[in-house]
Every structure is written in C-alpha cells, then in structure tokens.
Amino acid sequence: MTKTDPVLTVHRHTHPSGATVLGATGELDHHTAGALLGALDELRLTRTGGLVIDLTGLSYCDSTGITVLVTAHHRAEQAGCPLALAGLGPDLRQMFHTVGLDQIFTFHDDLDHAVDALGS
C-alpha cells in the first residue's frame, strides 16, 4: 500500500449574509497548512460580515493546523472581525477542547449556525 501526501482543499465564498466563508476539506497539517494560510492572507478582514472557517470536510488537524487557526483568530481580532468555526466533527472538537481552543473559538455544528451567531 502506498502512502499518499495529505491534501487540503480550501474554497472561499461569500454567504448571502455577507460573511466570508473559508471551507477546508482534507487534512490540515504541516504539509498542507500553507493552503489555508494563503487563503487567509488574501482576505481583507473588516468589522462587518465576519468570517466563518467551515471545517465540515476536515478529516485531520495537527499542531501546525491549530497554529494556522490561532493565526486566523489573531488577525480577525486585530481587524475587529467576528470569527466562528463551523462543522467540527466530534473527534476534532474533543481534540480542540483538550488543547484549550474552546477558550478562544466559538464552535458551531454547521455553517448556518455559525453565520447566525456572527449576526448576534
């Protein structure tokens, strides 16, 4: 059996509410984190609309991936841009809780709940 390199696909779109959505699908690790970091670098974060990082399709996240998400948090905070994470599966949610990310992020079951929370 041949081991393949991890793959992360990042897509960006604007939700009808005005929120920017970055969706990540695949494995977020030291091999792939640059894709999400690059997408973050391209954003102009503002106080309006907010940012949702949709992790519904994420199958794995290591410490490098966590660092990218914390970087997103810091950038959003500096810009005054509300940020929410959506779609974390139970295993990733538990891991994020274990490392204390629940202290800085708000987790939502899906994209719609995350977008709704940005508006409140």
PDB file of N, CA and C in Angstrom:
ATOM      1  N   MET A   1       0.838  -1.174   0.000  1.00  0.00           N
ATOM      2  CA  MET A   1       0.000   0.000   0.000  1.00  0.00           C
ATOM      3  C   MET A   1       0.886   1.242   0.000  1.00  0.00           C
ATOM      4  N   THR A   2       0.577   2.199  -0.850  1.00  0.00           N
ATOM      5  CA  THR A   2       1.365   3.406  -0.983  1.00  0.00           C
ATOM      6  C   THR A   2       0.720   4.536  -0.199  1.00  0.00           C
ATOM      7  N   LYS A   3       1.540   5.232   0.573  1.00  0.00           N
ATOM      8  CA  LYS A   3       1.054   6.386   1.338  1.00  0.00           C
ATOM      9  C   LYS A   3       1.039   7.585   0.407  1.00  0.00           C
ATOM     10  N   THR A   4      -0.077   8.275   0.334  1.00  0.00           N
ATOM     11  CA  THR A   4      -0.163   9.479  -0.482  1.00  0.00           C
ATOM     12  C   THR A   4       0.038  10.695   0.393  1.00  0.00           C
ATOM     13  N   ASP A   5       0.471  11.780  -0.226  1.00  0.00           N
ATOM     14  CA  ASP A   5       0.635  13.021   0.512  1.00  0.00           C
ATOM     15  C   ASP A   5      -0.730  13.558   0.919  1.00  0.00           C
ATOM     16  N   PRO A   6      -0.797  14.175   2.091  1.00  0.00           N
ATOM     17  CA  PRO A   6      -2.074  14.745   2.520  1.00  0.00           C
ATOM     18  C   PRO A   6      -2.500  15.875   1.577  1.00  0.00           C
ATOM     19  N   VAL A   7      -3.784  16.027   1.455  1.00  0.00           N
ATOM     20  CA  VAL A   7      -4.341  17.040   0.574  1.00  0.00           C
ATOM     21  C   VAL A   7      -5.316  17.895   1.378  1.00  0.00           C
ATOM     22  N   LEU A   8      -5.249  19.199   1.146  1.00  0.00           N
ATOM     23  CA  LEU A   8      -6.213  20.131   1.728  1.00  0.00           C
ATOM     24  C   LEU A   8      -6.724  21.014   0.606  1.00  0.00           C
ATOM     25  N   THR A   9      -8.029  21.069   0.479  1.00  0.00           N
ATOM     26  CA  THR A   9      -8.659  21.960  -0.480  1.00  0.00           C
ATOM     27  C   THR A   9      -9.309  23.093   0.306  1.00  0.00           C
ATOM     28  N   VAL A  10      -9.038  24.316  -0.110  1.00  0.00           N
ATOM     29  CA  VAL A  10      -9.635  25.479   0.548  1.00  0.00           C
ATOM     30  C   VAL A  10     -10.445  26.233  -0.497  1.00  0.00           C
ATOM     31  N   HIS A  11     -11.683  26.484  -0.169  1.00  0.00           N
ATOM     32  CA  HIS A  11     -12.528  27.274  -1.068  1.00  0.00           C
ATOM     33  C   HIS A  11     -13.104  28.454  -0.297  1.00  0.00           C
ATOM     34  N   ARG A  12     -13.302  29.519  -1.024  1.00  0.00           N
ATOM     35  CA  ARG A  12     -13.799  30.761  -0.417  1.00  0.00           C
ATOM     36  C   ARG A  12     -15.063  31.191  -1.140  1.00  0.00           C
ATOM     37  N   HIS A  13     -16.040  31.626  -0.355  1.00  0.00           N
ATOM     38  CA  HIS A  13     -17.225  32.228  -0.942  1.00  0.00           C
ATOM     39  C   HIS A  13     -17.838  33.203   0.057  1.00  0.00           C
ATOM     40  N   THR A  14     -18.745  34.010  -0.455  1.00  0.00           N
ATOM     41  CA  THR A  14     -19.444  34.962   0.399  1.00  0.00           C
ATOM     42  C   THR A  14     -20.846  34.420   0.646  1.00  0.00           C
ATOM     43  N   HIS A  15     -21.183  34.278   1.910  1.00  0.00           N
ATOM     44  CA  HIS A  15     -22.513  33.820   2.311  1.00  0.00           C
ATOM     45  C   HIS A  15     -23.508  34.944   2.010  1.00  0.00           C
ATOM     46  N   PRO A  16     -24.776  34.629   1.727  1.00  0.00           N
ATOM     47  CA  PRO A  16     -25.778  35.679   1.479  1.00  0.00           C
ATOM     48  C   PRO A  16     -25.866  36.724   2.598  1.00  0.00           C
ATOM     49  N   SER A  17     -25.461  36.365   3.812  1.00  0.00           N
ATOM     50  CA  SER A  17     -25.481  37.304   4.931  1.00  0.00           C
ATOM     51  C   SER A  17     -24.362  38.342   4.836  1.00  0.00           C
ATOM     52  N   GLY A  18     -23.397  38.097   3.954  1.00  0.00           N
ATOM     53  CA  GLY A  18     -22.234  38.973   3.839  1.00  0.00           C
ATOM     54  C   GLY A  18     -20.988  38.402   4.481  1.00  0.00           C
ATOM     55  N   ALA A  19     -21.124  37.327   5.244  1.00  0.00           N
ATOM     56  CA  ALA A  19     -19.961  36.708   5.885  1.00  0.00           C
ATOM     57  C   ALA A  19     -19.082  36.043   4.833  1.00  0.00           C
ATOM     58  N   THR A  20     -17.787  36.124   5.049  1.00  0.00           N
ATOM     59  CA  THR A  20     -16.842  35.393   4.212  1.00  0.00           C
ATOM     60  C   THR A  20     -16.698  33.996   4.791  1.00  0.00           C
ATOM     61  N   VAL A  21     -16.750  32.999   3.931  1.00  0.00           N
ATOM     62  CA  VAL A  21     -16.634  31.614   4.359  1.00  0.00           C
ATOM     63  C   VAL A  21     -15.410  31.000   3.700  1.00  0.00           C
ATOM     64  N   LEU A  22     -14.527  30.459   4.529  1.00  0.00           N
ATOM     65  CA  LEU A  22     -13.416  29.651   4.049  1.00  0.00           C
ATOM     66  C   LEU A  22     -13.729  28.217   4.426  1.00  0.00           C
ATOM     67  N   GLY A  23     -13.853  27.358   3.438  1.00  0.00           N
ATOM     68  CA  GLY A  23     -14.109  25.949   3.696  1.00  0.00           C
ATOM     69  C   GLY A  23     -12.838  25.152   3.492  1.00  0.00           C
ATOM     70  N   ALA A  24     -12.524  24.296   4.439  1.00  0.00           N
ATOM     71  CA  ALA A  24     -11.330  23.459   4.355  1.00  0.00           C
ATOM     72  C   ALA A  24     -11.753  21.995   4.329  1.00  0.00           C
ATOM     73  N   THR A  25     -11.257  21.272   3.331  1.00  0.00           N
ATOM     74  CA  THR A  25     -11.586  19.863   3.172  1.00  0.00           C
ATOM     75  C   THR A  25     -10.294  19.064   3.046  1.00  0.00           C
ATOM     76  N   GLY A  26     -10.180  18.023   3.856  1.00  0.00           N
ATOM     77  CA  GLY A  26      -8.990  17.170   3.802  1.00  0.00           C
ATOM     78  C   GLY A  26      -8.236  17.195   5.106  1.00  0.00           C
ATOM     79  N   GLU A  27      -6.909  17.187   5.005  1.00  0.00           N
ATOM     80  CA  GLU A  27      -6.044  17.149   6.174  1.00  0.00           C
ATOM     81  C   GLU A  27      -5.313  18.479   6.338  1.00  0.00           C
ATOM     82  N   LEU A  28      -5.451  19.067   7.507  1.00  0.00           N
ATOM     83  CA  LEU A  28      -4.776  20.329   7.826  1.00  0.00           C
ATOM     84  C   LEU A  28      -3.577  19.990   8.704  1.00  0.00           C
ATOM     85  N   ASP A  29      -2.411  19.948   8.082  1.00  0.00           N
ATOM     86  CA  ASP A  29      -1.198  19.588   8.815  1.00  0.00           C
ATOM     87  C   ASP A  29      -0.006  20.363   8.279  1.00  0.00           C
ATOM     88  N   HIS A  30       1.191  19.984   8.703  1.00  0.00           N
ATOM     89  CA  HIS A  30       2.371  20.748   8.321  1.00  0.00           C
ATOM     90  C   HIS A  30       2.633  20.710   6.819  1.00  0.00           C
ATOM     91  N   HIS A  31       2.108  19.736   6.108  1.00  0.00           N
ATOM     92  CA  HIS A  31       2.272  19.674   4.654  1.00  0.00           C
ATOM     93  C   HIS A  31       1.287  20.582   3.924  1.00  0.00           C
ATOM     94  N   THR A  32       0.129  20.810   4.514  1.00  0.00           N
ATOM     95  CA  THR A  32      -0.965  21.475   3.793  1.00  0.00           C
ATOM     96  C   THR A  32      -1.377  22.823   4.383  1.00  0.00           C
ATOM     97  N   ALA A  33      -0.862  23.166   5.534  1.00  0.00           N
ATOM     98  CA  ALA A  33      -1.314  24.379   6.237  1.00  0.00           C
ATOM     99  C   ALA A  33      -1.132  25.637   5.398  1.00  0.00           C
ATOM    100  N   GLY A  34      -0.146  25.638   4.515  1.00  0.00           N
ATOM    101  CA  GLY A  34       0.095  26.803   3.665  1.00  0.00           C
ATOM    102  C   GLY A  34      -1.097  27.171   2.804  1.00  0.00           C
ATOM    103  N   ALA A  35      -1.902  26.187   2.418  1.00  0.00           N
ATOM    104  CA  ALA A  35      -3.083  26.469   1.597  1.00  0.00           C
ATOM    105  C   ALA A  35      -4.086  27.328   2.362  1.00  0.00           C
ATOM    106  N   LEU A  36      -4.352  26.972   3.622  1.00  0.00           N
ATOM    107  CA  LEU A  36      -5.290  27.761   4.424  1.00  0.00           C
ATOM    108  C   LEU A  36      -4.674  29.096   4.804  1.00  0.00           C
ATOM    109  N   LEU A  37      -3.404  29.108   5.144  1.00  0.00           N
ATOM    110  CA  LEU A  37      -2.734  30.365   5.480  1.00  0.00           C
ATOM    111  C   LEU A  37      -2.733  31.305   4.281  1.00  0.00           C
ATOM    112  N   GLY A  38      -2.505  30.772   3.087  1.00  0.00           N
ATOM    113  CA  GLY A  38      -2.551  31.593   1.878  1.00  0.00           C
ATOM    114  C   GLY A  38      -3.922  32.200   1.649  1.00  0.00           C
ATOM    115  N   ALA A  39      -4.968  31.410   1.873  1.00  0.00           N
ATOM    116  CA  ALA A  39      -6.340  31.919   1.720  1.00  0.00           C
ATOM    117  C   ALA A  39      -6.614  33.015   2.745  1.00  0.00           C
ATOM    118  N   LEU A  40      -6.106  32.846   3.961  1.00  0.00           N
ATOM    119  CA  LEU A  40      -6.265  33.887   4.988  1.00  0.00           C
ATOM    120  C   LEU A  40      -5.525  35.155   4.593  1.00  0.00           C
ATOM    121  N   ASP A  41      -4.333  34.997   4.016  1.00  0.00           N
ATOM    122  CA  ASP A  41      -3.540  36.150   3.594  1.00  0.00           C
ATOM    123  C   ASP A  41      -4.258  36.990   2.547  1.00  0.00           C
ATOM    124  N   GLU A  42      -5.090  36.352   1.729  1.00  0.00           N
ATOM    125  CA  GLU A  42      -5.806  37.044   0.662  1.00  0.00           C
ATOM    126  C   GLU A  42      -7.036  37.806   1.150  1.00  0.00           C
ATOM    127  N   LEU A  43      -7.472  37.544   2.371  1.00  0.00           N
ATOM    128  CA  LEU A  43      -8.694  38.181   2.896  1.00  0.00           C
ATOM    129  C   LEU A  43      -8.433  39.591   3.381  1.00  0.00           C
ATOM    130  N   ARG A  44      -9.418  40.437   3.163  1.00  0.00           N
ATOM    131  CA  ARG A  44      -9.433  41.751   3.798  1.00  0.00           C
ATOM    132  C   ARG A  44     -10.483  41.679   4.898  1.00  0.00           C
ATOM    133  N   LEU A  45     -10.017  41.448   6.110  1.00  0.00           N
ATOM    134  CA  LEU A  45     -10.937  41.298   7.232  1.00  0.00           C
ATOM    135  C   LEU A  45     -11.444  42.662   7.657  1.00  0.00           C
ATOM    136  N   THR A  46     -12.747  42.748   7.861  1.00  0.00           N
ATOM    137  CA  THR A  46     -13.370  44.001   8.297  1.00  0.00           C
ATOM    138  C   THR A  46     -14.316  43.723   9.456  1.00  0.00           C
ATOM    139  N   ARG A  47     -14.808  44.781  10.038  1.00  0.00           N
ATOM    140  CA  ARG A  47     -15.723  44.665  11.173  1.00  0.00           C
ATOM    141  C   ARG A  47     -17.106  44.166  10.749  1.00  0.00           C
ATOM    142  N   THR A  48     -17.417  44.274   9.466  1.00  0.00           N
ATOM    143  CA  THR A  48     -18.744  43.860   9.003  1.00  0.00           C
ATOM    144  C   THR A  48     -18.663  42.498   8.328  1.00  0.00           C
ATOM    145  N   GLY A  49     -19.742  41.768   8.408  1.00  0.00           N
ATOM    146  CA  GLY A  49     -19.831  40.479   7.731  1.00  0.00           C
ATOM    147  C   GLY A  49     -19.320  39.317   8.537  1.00  0.00           C
ATOM    148  N   GLY A  50     -18.074  39.394   8.966  1.00  0.00           N
ATOM    149  CA  GLY A  50     -17.486  38.318   9.740  1.00  0.00           C
ATOM    150  C   GLY A  50     -16.857  37.247   8.865  1.00  0.00           C
ATOM    151  N   LEU A  51     -16.204  36.316   9.534  1.00  0.00           N
ATOM    152  CA  LEU A  51     -15.514  35.213   8.880  1.00  0.00           C
ATOM    153  C   LEU A  51     -15.912  33.905   9.548  1.00  0.00           C
ATOM    154  N   VAL A  52     -16.281  32.935   8.720  1.00  0.00           N
ATOM    155  CA  VAL A  52     -16.535  31.583   9.198  1.00  0.00           C
ATOM    156  C   VAL A  52     -15.518  30.671   8.530  1.00  0.00           C
ATOM    157  N   ILE A  53     -14.833  29.877   9.319  1.00  0.00           N
ATOM    158  CA  ILE A  53     -13.990  28.826   8.774  1.00  0.00           C
ATOM    159  C   ILE A  53     -14.772  27.536   8.946  1.00  0.00           C
ATOM    160  N   ASP A  54     -15.193  26.996   7.811  1.00  0.00           N
ATOM    161  CA  ASP A  54     -16.032  25.802   7.795  1.00  0.00           C
ATOM    162  C   ASP A  54     -15.137  24.570   7.687  1.00  0.00           C
ATOM    163  N   LEU A  55     -15.103  23.795   8.757  1.00  0.00           N
ATOM    164  CA  LEU A  55     -14.233  22.621   8.839  1.00  0.00           C
ATOM    165  C   LEU A  55     -15.010  21.316   8.698  1.00  0.00           C
ATOM    166  N   THR A  56     -16.191  21.390   8.106  1.00  0.00           N
ATOM    167  CA  THR A  56     -17.034  20.211   7.951  1.00  0.00           C
ATOM    168  C   THR A  56     -16.289  19.083   7.244  1.00  0.00           C
ATOM    169  N   GLY A  57     -15.486  19.419   6.253  1.00  0.00           N
ATOM    170  CA  GLY A  57     -14.780  18.415   5.478  1.00  0.00           C
ATOM    171  C   GLY A  57     -13.392  18.083   5.986  1.00  0.00           C
ATOM    172  N   LEU A  58     -13.040  18.615   7.150  1.00  0.00           N
ATOM    173  CA  LEU A  58     -11.704  18.374   7.687  1.00  0.00           C
ATOM    174  C   LEU A  58     -11.642  16.993   8.333  1.00  0.00           C
ATOM    175  N   SER A  59     -10.669  16.196   7.929  1.00  0.00           N
ATOM    176  CA  SER A  59     -10.540  14.847   8.475  1.00  0.00           C
ATOM    177  C   SER A  59      -9.414  14.729   9.490  1.00  0.00           C
ATOM    178  N   TYR A  60      -8.507  15.714   9.506  1.00  0.00           N
ATOM    179  CA  TYR A  60      -7.341  15.633  10.396  1.00  0.00           C
ATOM    180  C   TYR A  60      -6.798  17.036  10.600  1.00  0.00           C
ATOM    181  N   CYS A  61      -6.267  17.285  11.790  1.00  0.00           N
ATOM    182  CA  CYS A  61      -5.623  18.566  12.084  1.00  0.00           C
ATOM    183  C   CYS A  61      -4.503  18.316  13.076  1.00  0.00           C
ATOM    184  N   ASP A  62      -3.290  18.784  12.753  1.00  0.00           N
ATOM    185  CA  ASP A  62      -2.181  18.645  13.694  1.00  0.00           C
ATOM    186  C   ASP A  62      -1.848  20.009  14.295  1.00  0.00           C
ATOM    187  N   SER A  63      -0.747  20.090  15.012  1.00  0.00           N
ATOM    188  CA  SER A  63      -0.394  21.335  15.710  1.00  0.00           C
ATOM    189  C   SER A  63      -0.136  22.486  14.744  1.00  0.00           C
ATOM    190  N   THR A  64       0.372  22.198  13.556  1.00  0.00           N
ATOM    191  CA  THR A  64       0.572  23.258  12.565  1.00  0.00           C
ATOM    192  C   THR A  64      -0.777  23.809  12.124  1.00  0.00           C
ATOM    193  N   GLY A  65      -1.743  22.942  11.924  1.00  0.00           N
ATOM    194  CA  GLY A  65      -3.089  23.385  11.572  1.00  0.00           C
ATOM    195  C   GLY A  65      -3.709  24.225  12.671  1.00  0.00           C
ATOM    196  N   ILE A  66      -3.507  23.816  13.902  1.00  0.00           N
ATOM    197  CA  ILE A  66      -4.007  24.593  15.037  1.00  0.00           C
ATOM    198  C   ILE A  66      -3.372  25.977  15.033  1.00  0.00           C
ATOM    199  N   THR A  67      -2.074  26.046  14.740  1.00  0.00           N
ATOM    200  CA  THR A  67      -1.377  27.331  14.688  1.00  0.00           C
ATOM    201  C   THR A  67      -1.989  28.235  13.627  1.00  0.00           C
ATOM    202  N   VAL A  68      -2.350  27.685  12.475  1.00  0.00           N
ATOM    203  CA  VAL A  68      -2.984  28.487  11.427  1.00  0.00           C
ATOM    204  C   VAL A  68      -4.336  29.014  11.901  1.00  0.00           C
ATOM    205  N   LEU A  69      -5.108  28.188  12.582  1.00  0.00           N
ATOM    206  CA  LEU A  69      -6.409  28.639  13.090  1.00  0.00           C
ATOM    207  C   LEU A  69      -6.244  29.720  14.155  1.00  0.00           C
ATOM    208  N   VAL A  70      -5.247  29.578  15.016  1.00  0.00           N
ATOM    209  CA  VAL A  70      -4.980  30.610  16.024  1.00  0.00           C
ATOM    210  C   VAL A  70      -4.526  31.904  15.336  1.00  0.00           C
ATOM    211  N   THR A  71      -3.734  31.781  14.275  1.00  0.00           N
ATOM    212  CA  THR A  71      -3.337  32.950  13.493  1.00  0.00           C
ATOM    213  C   THR A  71      -4.571  33.649  12.923  1.00  0.00           C
ATOM    214  N   ALA A  72      -5.514  32.877  12.404  1.00  0.00           N
ATOM    215  CA  ALA A  72      -6.763  33.447  11.888  1.00  0.00           C
ATOM    216  C   ALA A  72      -7.500  34.199  12.987  1.00  0.00           C
ATOM    217  N   HIS A  73      -7.532  33.612  14.172  1.00  0.00           N
ATOM    218  CA  HIS A  73      -8.181  34.260  15.311  1.00  0.00           C
ATOM    219  C   HIS A  73      -7.522  35.606  15.612  1.00  0.00           C
ATOM    220  N   HIS A  74      -6.196  35.627  15.673  1.00  0.00           N
ATOM    221  CA  HIS A  74      -5.482  36.871  15.993  1.00  0.00           C
ATOM    222  C   HIS A  74      -5.709  37.935  14.921  1.00  0.00           C
ATOM    223  N   ARG A  75      -5.674  37.536  13.669  1.00  0.00           N
ATOM    224  CA  ARG A  75      -5.898  38.501  12.580  1.00  0.00           C
ATOM    225  C   ARG A  75      -7.316  39.060  12.628  1.00  0.00           C
ATOM    226  N   ALA A  76      -8.279  38.193  12.860  1.00  0.00           N
ATOM    227  CA  ALA A  76      -9.667  38.648  12.952  1.00  0.00           C
ATOM    228  C   ALA A  76      -9.845  39.590  14.136  1.00  0.00           C
ATOM    229  N   GLU A  77      -9.248  39.234  15.257  1.00  0.00           N
ATOM    230  CA  GLU A  77      -9.350  40.067  16.453  1.00  0.00           C
ATOM    231  C   GLU A  77      -8.744  41.451  16.209  1.00  0.00           C
ATOM    232  N   GLN A  78      -7.591  41.499  15.570  1.00  0.00           N
ATOM    233  CA  GLN A  78      -6.933  42.779  15.280  1.00  0.00           C
ATOM    234  C   GLN A  78      -7.775  43.646  14.349  1.00  0.00           C
ATOM    235  N   ALA A  79      -8.508  43.004  13.423  1.00  0.00           N
ATOM    236  CA  ALA A  79      -9.343  43.736  12.476  1.00  0.00           C
ATOM    237  C   ALA A  79     -10.725  44.043  13.034  1.00  0.00           C
ATOM    238  N   GLY A  80     -11.038  43.509  14.225  1.00  0.00           N
ATOM    239  CA  GLY A  80     -12.377  43.671  14.779  1.00  0.00           C
ATOM    240  C   GLY A  80     -13.407  42.858  14.031  1.00  0.00           C
ATOM    241  N   CYS A  81     -12.968  41.799  13.385  1.00  0.00           N
ATOM    242  CA  CYS A  81     -13.823  40.945  12.555  1.00  0.00           C
ATOM    243  C   CYS A  81     -14.299  39.746  13.364  1.00  0.00           C
ATOM    244  N   PRO A  82     -15.613  39.546  13.500  1.00  0.00           N
ATOM    245  CA  PRO A  82     -16.098  38.353  14.200  1.00  0.00           C
ATOM    246  C   PRO A  82     -15.684  37.085  13.444  1.00  0.00           C
ATOM    247  N   LEU A  83     -15.315  36.057  14.190  1.00  0.00           N
ATOM    248  CA  LEU A  83     -14.857  34.796  13.615  1.00  0.00           C
ATOM    249  C   LEU A  83     -15.534  33.637  14.323  1.00  0.00           C
ATOM    250  N   ALA A  84     -15.945  32.641  13.541  1.00  0.00           N
ATOM    251  CA  ALA A  84     -16.527  31.427  14.105  1.00  0.00           C
ATOM    252  C   ALA A  84     -16.019  30.226  13.321  1.00  0.00           C
ATOM    253  N   LEU A  85     -15.935  29.098  14.004  1.00  0.00           N
ATOM    254  CA  LEU A  85     -15.599  27.833  13.355  1.00  0.00           C
ATOM    255  C   LEU A  85     -16.865  27.000  13.237  1.00  0.00           C
ATOM    256  N   ALA A  86     -17.025  26.350  12.099  1.00  0.00           N
ATOM    257  CA  ALA A  86     -18.222  25.544  11.864  1.00  0.00           C
ATOM    258  C   ALA A  86     -17.825  24.125  11.469  1.00  0.00           C
ATOM    259  N   GLY A  87     -18.687  23.187  11.844  1.00  0.00           N
ATOM    260  CA  GLY A  87     -18.631  21.842  11.316  1.00  0.00           C
ATOM    261  C   GLY A  87     -17.558  20.924  11.855  1.00  0.00           C
ATOM    262  N   LEU A  88     -17.032  21.209  13.018  1.00  0.00           N
ATOM    263  CA  LEU A  88     -16.042  20.296  13.585  1.00  0.00           C
ATOM    264  C   LEU A  88     -16.705  18.981  13.969  1.00  0.00           C
ATOM    265  N   GLY A  89     -16.127  17.886  13.514  1.00  0.00           N
ATOM    266  CA  GLY A  89     -16.618  16.576  13.911  1.00  0.00           C
ATOM    267  C   GLY A  89     -16.299  16.324  15.373  1.00  0.00           C
ATOM    268  N   PRO A  90     -16.903  15.283  15.962  1.00  0.00           N
ATOM    269  CA  PRO A  90     -16.717  15.029  17.393  1.00  0.00           C
ATOM    270  C   PRO A  90     -15.261  14.789  17.800  1.00  0.00           C
ATOM    271  N   ASP A  91     -14.494  14.096  16.976  1.00  0.00           N
ATOM    272  CA  ASP A  91     -13.091  13.826  17.337  1.00  0.00           C
ATOM    273  C   ASP A  91     -12.267  15.103  17.351  1.00  0.00           C
ATOM    274  N   LEU A  92     -12.429  15.932  16.306  1.00  0.00           N
ATOM    275  CA  LEU A  92     -11.684  17.194  16.261  1.00  0.00           C
ATOM    276  C   LEU A  92     -12.157  18.152  17.346  1.00  0.00           C
ATOM    277  N   ARG A  93     -13.463  18.169  17.593  1.00  0.00           N
ATOM    278  CA  ARG A  93     -13.992  19.045  18.647  1.00  0.00           C
ATOM    279  C   ARG A  93     -13.385  18.664  20.004  1.00  0.00           C
ATOM    280  N   GLN A  94     -13.286  17.366  20.270  1.00  0.00           N
ATOM    281  CA  GLN A  94     -12.690  16.899  21.524  1.00  0.00           C
ATOM    282  C   GLN A  94     -11.216  17.298  21.604  1.00  0.00           C
ATOM    283  N   MET A  95     -10.495  17.123  20.508  1.00  0.00           N
ATOM    284  CA  MET A  95      -9.085  17.493  20.491  1.00  0.00           C
ATOM    285  C   MET A  95      -8.918  18.994  20.698  1.00  0.00           C
ATOM    286  N   PHE A  96      -9.754  19.808  20.041  1.00  0.00           N
ATOM    287  CA  PHE A  96      -9.673  21.261  20.204  1.00  0.00           C
ATOM    288  C   PHE A  96      -9.988  21.646  21.650  1.00  0.00           C
ATOM    289  N   HIS A  97     -10.946  20.948  22.241  1.00  0.00           N
ATOM    290  CA  HIS A  97     -11.284  21.198  23.650  1.00  0.00           C
ATOM    291  C   HIS A  97     -10.098  20.837  24.547  1.00  0.00           C
ATOM    292  N   THR A  98      -9.470  19.701  24.277  1.00  0.00           N
ATOM    293  CA  THR A  98      -8.346  19.228  25.088  1.00  0.00           C
ATOM    294  C   THR A  98      -7.192  20.226  25.081  1.00  0.00           C
ATOM    295  N   VAL A  99      -6.929  20.839  23.929  1.00  0.00           N
ATOM    296  CA  VAL A  99      -5.810  21.790  23.846  1.00  0.00           C
ATOM    297  C   VAL A  99      -6.222  23.220  24.192  1.00  0.00           C
ATOM    298  N   GLY A 100      -7.486  23.411  24.564  1.00  0.00           N
ATOM    299  CA  GLY A 100      -7.938  24.712  25.054  1.00  0.00           C
ATOM    300  C   GLY A 100      -8.426  25.683  23.999  1.00  0.00           C
ATOM    301  N   LEU A 101      -8.623  25.222  22.775  1.00  0.00           N
ATOM    302  CA  LEU A 101      -9.099  26.133  21.737  1.00  0.00           C
ATOM    303  C   LEU A 101     -10.534  26.582  21.960  1.00  0.00           C
ATOM    304  N   ASP A 102     -11.271  25.845  22.788  1.00  0.00           N
ATOM    305  CA  ASP A 102     -12.632  26.270  23.101  1.00  0.00           C
ATOM    306  C   ASP A 102     -12.628  27.545  23.947  1.00  0.00           C
ATOM    307  N   GLN A 103     -11.457  27.941  24.431  1.00  0.00           N
ATOM    308  CA  GLN A 103     -11.336  29.184  25.198  1.00  0.00           C
ATOM    309  C   GLN A 103     -11.234  30.408  24.284  1.00  0.00           C
ATOM    310  N   ILE A 104     -10.826  30.198  23.017  1.00  0.00           N
ATOM    311  CA  ILE A 104     -10.693  31.347  22.116  1.00  0.00           C
ATOM    312  C   ILE A 104     -11.645  31.293  20.923  1.00  0.00           C
ATOM    313  N   PHE A 105     -12.151  30.115  20.585  1.00  0.00           N
ATOM    314  CA  PHE A 105     -13.051  29.970  19.448  1.00  0.00           C
ATOM    315  C   PHE A 105     -14.452  29.630  19.905  1.00  0.00           C
ATOM    316  N   THR A 106     -15.403  30.024  19.076  1.00  0.00           N
ATOM    317  CA  THR A 106     -16.775  29.580  19.230  1.00  0.00           C
ATOM    318  C   THR A 106     -17.012  28.518  18.169  1.00  0.00           C
ATOM    319  N   PHE A 107     -17.440  27.342  18.586  1.00  0.00           N
ATOM    320  CA  PHE A 107     -17.694  26.238  17.667  1.00  0.00           C
ATOM    321  C   PHE A 107     -19.190  26.136  17.395  1.00  0.00           C
ATOM    322  N   HIS A 108     -19.512  25.865  16.137  1.00  0.00           N
ATOM    323  CA  HIS A 108     -20.912  25.694  15.747  1.00  0.00           C
ATOM    324  C   HIS A 108     -21.034  24.420  14.932  1.00  0.00           C
ATOM    325  N   ASP A 109     -22.191  23.767  15.057  1.00  0.00           N
ATOM    326  CA  ASP A 109     -22.390  22.481  14.400  1.00  0.00           C
ATOM    327  C   ASP A 109     -22.307  22.564  12.878  1.00  0.00           C
ATOM    328  N   ASP A 110     -22.776  23.679  12.318  1.00  0.00           N
ATOM    329  CA  ASP A 110     -22.777  23.798  10.858  1.00  0.00           C
ATOM    330  C   ASP A 110     -22.644  25.266  10.455  1.00  0.00           C
ATOM    331  N   LEU A 111     -22.521  25.473   9.169  1.00  0.00           N
ATOM    332  CA  LEU A 111     -22.301  26.808   8.624  1.00  0.00           C
ATOM    333  C   LEU A 111     -23.438  27.763   8.981  1.00  0.00           C
ATOM    334  N   ASP A 112     -24.671  27.318   8.844  1.00  0.00           N
ATOM    335  CA  ASP A 112     -25.806  28.211   9.119  1.00  0.00           C
ATOM    336  C   ASP A 112     -25.807  28.701  10.556  1.00  0.00           C
ATOM    337  N   HIS A 113     -25.527  27.815  11.510  1.00  0.00           N
ATOM    338  CA  HIS A 113     -25.485  28.241  12.908  1.00  0.00           C
ATOM    339  C   HIS A 113     -24.331  29.212  13.153  1.00  0.00           C
ATOM    340  N   ALA A 114     -23.219  28.988  12.501  1.00  0.00           N
ATOM    341  CA  ALA A 114     -22.067  29.884  12.669  1.00  0.00           C
ATOM    342  C   ALA A 114     -22.388  31.274  12.113  1.00  0.00           C
ATOM    343  N   VAL A 115     -22.993  31.314  10.936  1.00  0.00           N
ATOM    344  CA  VAL A 115     -23.346  32.603  10.333  1.00  0.00           C
ATOM    345  C   VAL A 115     -24.365  33.325  11.198  1.00  0.00           C
ATOM    346  N   ASP A 116     -25.364  32.596  11.697  1.00  0.00           N
ATOM    347  CA  ASP A 116     -26.361  33.196  12.595  1.00  0.00           C
ATOM    348  C   ASP A 116     -25.692  33.798  13.821  1.00  0.00           C
ATOM    349  N   ALA A 117     -24.708  33.107  14.376  1.00  0.00           N
ATOM    350  CA  ALA A 117     -24.034  33.595  15.577  1.00  0.00           C
ATOM    351  C   ALA A 117     -23.241  34.864  15.311  1.00  0.00           C
ATOM    352  N   LEU A 118     -22.711  35.018  14.107  1.00  0.00           N
ATOM    353  CA  LEU A 118     -21.960  36.241  13.778  1.00  0.00           C
ATOM    354  C   LEU A 118     -22.877  37.458  13.810  1.00  0.00           C
ATOM    355  N   GLY A 119     -24.136  37.245  13.464  1.00  0.00           N
ATOM    356  CA  GLY A 119     -25.088  38.353  13.415  1.00  0.00           C
ATOM    357  C   GLY A 119     -25.634  38.751  14.766  1.00  0.00           C
ATOM    358  N   SER A 120     -25.366  37.940  15.816  1.00  0.00           N
ATOM    359  CA  SER A 120     -25.954  38.280  17.118  1.00  0.00           C
ATOM    360  C   SER A 120     -25.003  39.067  17.973  1.00  0.00           C
TER     361      SER A 120
END
